[in-house]
């Protein structure tokens, strides 16, 4: 596995970052496409195909409801991503945030390589 600093951001024509390419070889000829959360998107492939996959995938999944694997405490369902940065992923109750209600926030480390977050 490469270092996080080796990941290359992939951007759309409008400059929006849509994901990352994790190099699996020193020459970057085989990469693992990764979503903005750091989740693997499909199988490893060549650089150009990985870039195209990420652009096609886009960022719309970030607006979807998410489930957090809270380990021994089970799952926390019905979450929305309210902030995504190198400092982590900040989550809150999906319905409460849509109603502009105050809610307790949860934090997940970024990138979420353990894939503790899943869509439902």
C-alpha atoms as a PDB file:
ATOM      1  CA  UNK A   1       0.000   0.000   0.000  1.00  0.00           C
ATOM      2  CA  UNK A   2       1.303   3.422  -0.894  1.00  0.00           C
ATOM      3  CA  UNK A   3       1.551   6.436   1.353  1.00  0.00           C
ATOM      4  CA  UNK A   4      -1.421   8.784   1.470  1.00  0.00           C
ATOM      5  CA  UNK A   5       0.866  11.534   0.186  1.00  0.00           C
ATOM      6  CA  UNK A   6       1.299   9.500  -3.037  1.00  0.00           C
ATOM      7  CA  UNK A   7      -2.440   9.575  -3.817  1.00  0.00           C
ATOM      8  CA  UNK A   8      -3.306  11.798  -6.776  1.00  0.00           C
ATOM      9  CA  UNK A   9      -6.471  13.882  -6.694  1.00  0.00           C
ATOM     10  CA  UNK A  10      -8.725  13.495  -9.742  1.00  0.00           C
ATOM     11  CA  UNK A  11     -10.738  16.557 -10.705  1.00  0.00           C
ATOM     12  CA  UNK A  12     -13.587  17.201 -13.113  1.00  0.00           C
ATOM     13  CA  UNK A  13     -13.462  19.921 -15.766  1.00  0.00           C
ATOM     14  CA  UNK A  14     -15.001  22.367 -13.256  1.00  0.00           C
ATOM     15  CA  UNK A  15     -12.113  21.773 -10.819  1.00  0.00           C
ATOM     16  CA  UNK A  16     -14.144  19.726  -8.298  1.00  0.00           C
ATOM     17  CA  UNK A  17     -12.174  16.823  -6.814  1.00  0.00           C
ATOM     18  CA  UNK A  18     -14.051  13.542  -7.381  1.00  0.00           C
ATOM     19  CA  UNK A  19     -11.635  11.045  -5.850  1.00  0.00           C
ATOM     20  CA  UNK A  20      -8.083   9.806  -5.748  1.00  0.00           C
ATOM     21  CA  UNK A  21      -5.781   7.396  -7.514  1.00  0.00           C
ATOM     22  CA  UNK A  22      -3.649   5.321  -5.177  1.00  0.00           C
ATOM     23  CA  UNK A  23      -0.558   4.108  -7.037  1.00  0.00           C
ATOM     24  CA  UNK A  24       0.074   0.386  -6.744  1.00  0.00           C
ATOM     25  CA  UNK A  25       3.286   0.591  -8.765  1.00  0.00           C
ATOM     26  CA  UNK A  26       6.058   3.191  -8.661  1.00  0.00           C
ATOM     27  CA  UNK A  27       5.276   4.173 -12.250  1.00  0.00           C
ATOM     28  CA  UNK A  28       1.560   4.777 -11.495  1.00  0.00           C
ATOM     29  CA  UNK A  29       0.677   2.404 -14.342  1.00  0.00           C
ATOM     30  CA  UNK A  30      -1.573   0.414 -11.982  1.00  0.00           C
ATOM     31  CA  UNK A  31      -3.733   2.389  -9.570  1.00  0.00           C
ATOM     32  CA  UNK A  32      -6.584   1.804  -7.140  1.00  0.00           C
ATOM     33  CA  UNK A  33      -9.366   4.355  -7.723  1.00  0.00           C
ATOM     34  CA  UNK A  34     -10.658   5.695  -4.385  1.00  0.00           C
ATOM     35  CA  UNK A  35     -13.735   7.785  -3.644  1.00  0.00           C
ATOM     36  CA  UNK A  36     -13.561  11.025  -1.700  1.00  0.00           C
ATOM     37  CA  UNK A  37     -14.011   8.961   1.459  1.00  0.00           C
ATOM     38  CA  UNK A  38     -11.007   6.816   0.525  1.00  0.00           C
ATOM     39  CA  UNK A  39     -13.087   3.736  -0.293  1.00  0.00           C
ATOM     40  CA  UNK A  40     -11.842   1.497  -3.104  1.00  0.00           C
ATOM     41  CA  UNK A  41     -13.936   1.992  -6.242  1.00  0.00           C
ATOM     42  CA  UNK A  42     -13.740  -1.206  -8.254  1.00  0.00           C
ATOM     43  CA  UNK A  43     -10.624  -3.208  -8.947  1.00  0.00           C
ATOM     44  CA  UNK A  44      -7.150  -1.811  -9.606  1.00  0.00           C
ATOM     45  CA  UNK A  45      -6.662  -0.694 -13.207  1.00  0.00           C
ATOM     46  CA  UNK A  46      -4.488   1.476 -15.404  1.00  0.00           C
ATOM     47  CA  UNK A  47      -4.183   5.193 -14.684  1.00  0.00           C
ATOM     48  CA  UNK A  48      -6.478   6.462 -17.442  1.00  0.00           C
ATOM     49  CA  UNK A  49      -9.253   3.936 -16.740  1.00  0.00           C
ATOM     50  CA  UNK A  50      -9.086   4.737 -13.010  1.00  0.00           C
ATOM     51  CA  UNK A  51      -9.355   8.443 -13.708  1.00  0.00           C
ATOM     52  CA  UNK A  52     -12.370   7.893 -15.991  1.00  0.00           C
ATOM     53  CA  UNK A  53     -14.060   5.648 -13.398  1.00  0.00           C
ATOM     54  CA  UNK A  54     -13.782   8.361 -10.729  1.00  0.00           C
ATOM     55  CA  UNK A  55     -15.087  11.096 -13.031  1.00  0.00           C
ATOM     56  CA  UNK A  56     -18.069   8.918 -14.008  1.00  0.00           C
ATOM     57  CA  UNK A  57     -18.736   8.038 -10.350  1.00  0.00           C
ATOM     58  CA  UNK A  58     -18.786  11.689  -9.276  1.00  0.00           C
ATOM     59  CA  UNK A  59     -19.578  12.998  -5.811  1.00  0.00           C
ATOM     60  CA  UNK A  60     -23.360  12.620  -5.553  1.00  0.00           C
ATOM     61  CA  UNK A  61     -22.999   9.730  -3.089  1.00  0.00           C
ATOM     62  CA  UNK A  62     -21.912  12.237  -0.439  1.00  0.00           C
ATOM     63  CA  UNK A  63     -25.511  13.503  -0.224  1.00  0.00           C
ATOM     64  CA  UNK A  64     -26.890  10.000   0.472  1.00  0.00           C
ATOM     65  CA  UNK A  65     -27.754   8.604   3.925  1.00  0.00           C
ATOM     66  CA  UNK A  66     -24.907   6.615   5.517  1.00  0.00           C
ATOM     67  CA  UNK A  67     -24.509   3.904   8.147  1.00  0.00           C
ATOM     68  CA  UNK A  68     -21.554   3.919  10.550  1.00  0.00           C
ATOM     69  CA  UNK A  69     -20.094   0.682  11.852  1.00  0.00           C
ATOM     70  CA  UNK A  70     -19.588   1.655  15.492  1.00  0.00           C
ATOM     71  CA  UNK A  71     -17.745  -1.552  16.366  1.00  0.00           C
ATOM     72  CA  UNK A  72     -18.959  -3.230  19.525  1.00  0.00           C
ATOM     73  CA  UNK A  73     -21.741  -0.639  19.813  1.00  0.00           C
ATOM     74  CA  UNK A  74     -23.325  -1.866  16.559  1.00  0.00           C
ATOM     75  CA  UNK A  75     -24.381   0.415  13.729  1.00  0.00           C
ATOM     76  CA  UNK A  76     -25.557   4.001  13.641  1.00  0.00           C
ATOM     77  CA  UNK A  77     -27.919   4.454  10.689  1.00  0.00           C
ATOM     78  CA  UNK A  78     -29.454   7.506   9.052  1.00  0.00           C
ATOM     79  CA  UNK A  79     -26.374   9.715   8.948  1.00  0.00           C
ATOM     80  CA  UNK A  80     -25.386  12.449   6.549  1.00  0.00           C
ATOM     81  CA  UNK A  81     -21.913  13.775   5.814  1.00  0.00           C
ATOM     82  CA  UNK A  82     -21.746  17.409   6.897  1.00  0.00           C
ATOM     83  CA  UNK A  83     -18.002  17.898   6.449  1.00  0.00           C
ATOM     84  CA  UNK A  84     -15.249  16.024   4.649  1.00  0.00           C
ATOM     85  CA  UNK A  85     -11.617  17.059   4.964  1.00  0.00           C
ATOM     86  CA  UNK A  86      -8.186  15.604   5.707  1.00  0.00           C
ATOM     87  CA  UNK A  87      -9.102  16.168   9.382  1.00  0.00           C
ATOM     88  CA  UNK A  88     -11.885  13.592   9.114  1.00  0.00           C
ATOM     89  CA  UNK A  89     -15.477  12.940   8.145  1.00  0.00           C
ATOM     90  CA  UNK A  90     -18.085  14.708  10.273  1.00  0.00           C
ATOM     91  CA  UNK A  91     -21.514  13.056  10.350  1.00  0.00           C
ATOM     92  CA  UNK A  92     -24.892  13.978  11.804  1.00  0.00           C
ATOM     93  CA  UNK A  93     -28.439  12.614  11.860  1.00  0.00           C
ATOM     94  CA  UNK A  94     -29.746  12.789   8.260  1.00  0.00           C
ATOM     95  CA  UNK A  95     -33.336  13.827   9.047  1.00  0.00           C
ATOM     96  CA  UNK A  96     -32.434  16.273  11.816  1.00  0.00           C
ATOM     97  CA  UNK A  97     -30.026  18.163   9.569  1.00  0.00           C
ATOM     98  CA  UNK A  98     -32.626  18.361   6.785  1.00  0.00           C
ATOM     99  CA  UNK A  99     -34.992  19.955   9.321  1.00  0.00           C
ATOM    100  CA  UNK A 100     -32.220  22.299  10.508  1.00  0.00           C
ATOM    101  CA  UNK A 101     -32.350  20.778  13.977  1.00  0.00           C
ATOM    102  CA  UNK A 102     -29.334  20.559  16.272  1.00  0.00           C
ATOM    103  CA  UNK A 103     -27.840  17.087  16.422  1.00  0.00           C
ATOM    104  CA  UNK A 104     -24.827  15.332  17.927  1.00  0.00           C
ATOM    105  CA  UNK A 105     -21.991  14.975  15.440  1.00  0.00           C
ATOM    106  CA  UNK A 106     -19.915  11.835  14.925  1.00  0.00           C
ATOM    107  CA  UNK A 107     -16.349  11.757  13.608  1.00  0.00           C
ATOM    108  CA  UNK A 108     -14.624   9.157  11.415  1.00  0.00           C
ATOM    109  CA  UNK A 109     -10.960   9.341  10.442  1.00  0.00           C
ATOM    110  CA  UNK A 110     -10.150  10.198   6.823  1.00  0.00           C
ATOM    111  CA  UNK A 111      -9.477   8.348   4.664  1.00  0.00           C
ATOM    112  CA  UNK A 112     -11.986   5.722   5.757  1.00  0.00           C
ATOM    113  CA  UNK A 113      -9.822   2.795   4.649  1.00  0.00           C
ATOM    114  CA  UNK A 114     -11.638   0.447   7.036  1.00  0.00           C
ATOM    115  CA  UNK A 115     -14.868   1.390   5.225  1.00  0.00           C
ATOM    116  CA  UNK A 116     -16.731   2.008   8.453  1.00  0.00           C
ATOM    117  CA  UNK A 117     -19.183   4.097   6.422  1.00  0.00           C
ATOM    118  CA  UNK A 118     -21.590   2.378   4.040  1.00  0.00           C
ATOM    119  CA  UNK A 119     -24.596   3.624   2.087  1.00  0.00           C
ATOM    120  CA  UNK A 120     -28.067   2.262   2.686  1.00  0.00           C
END
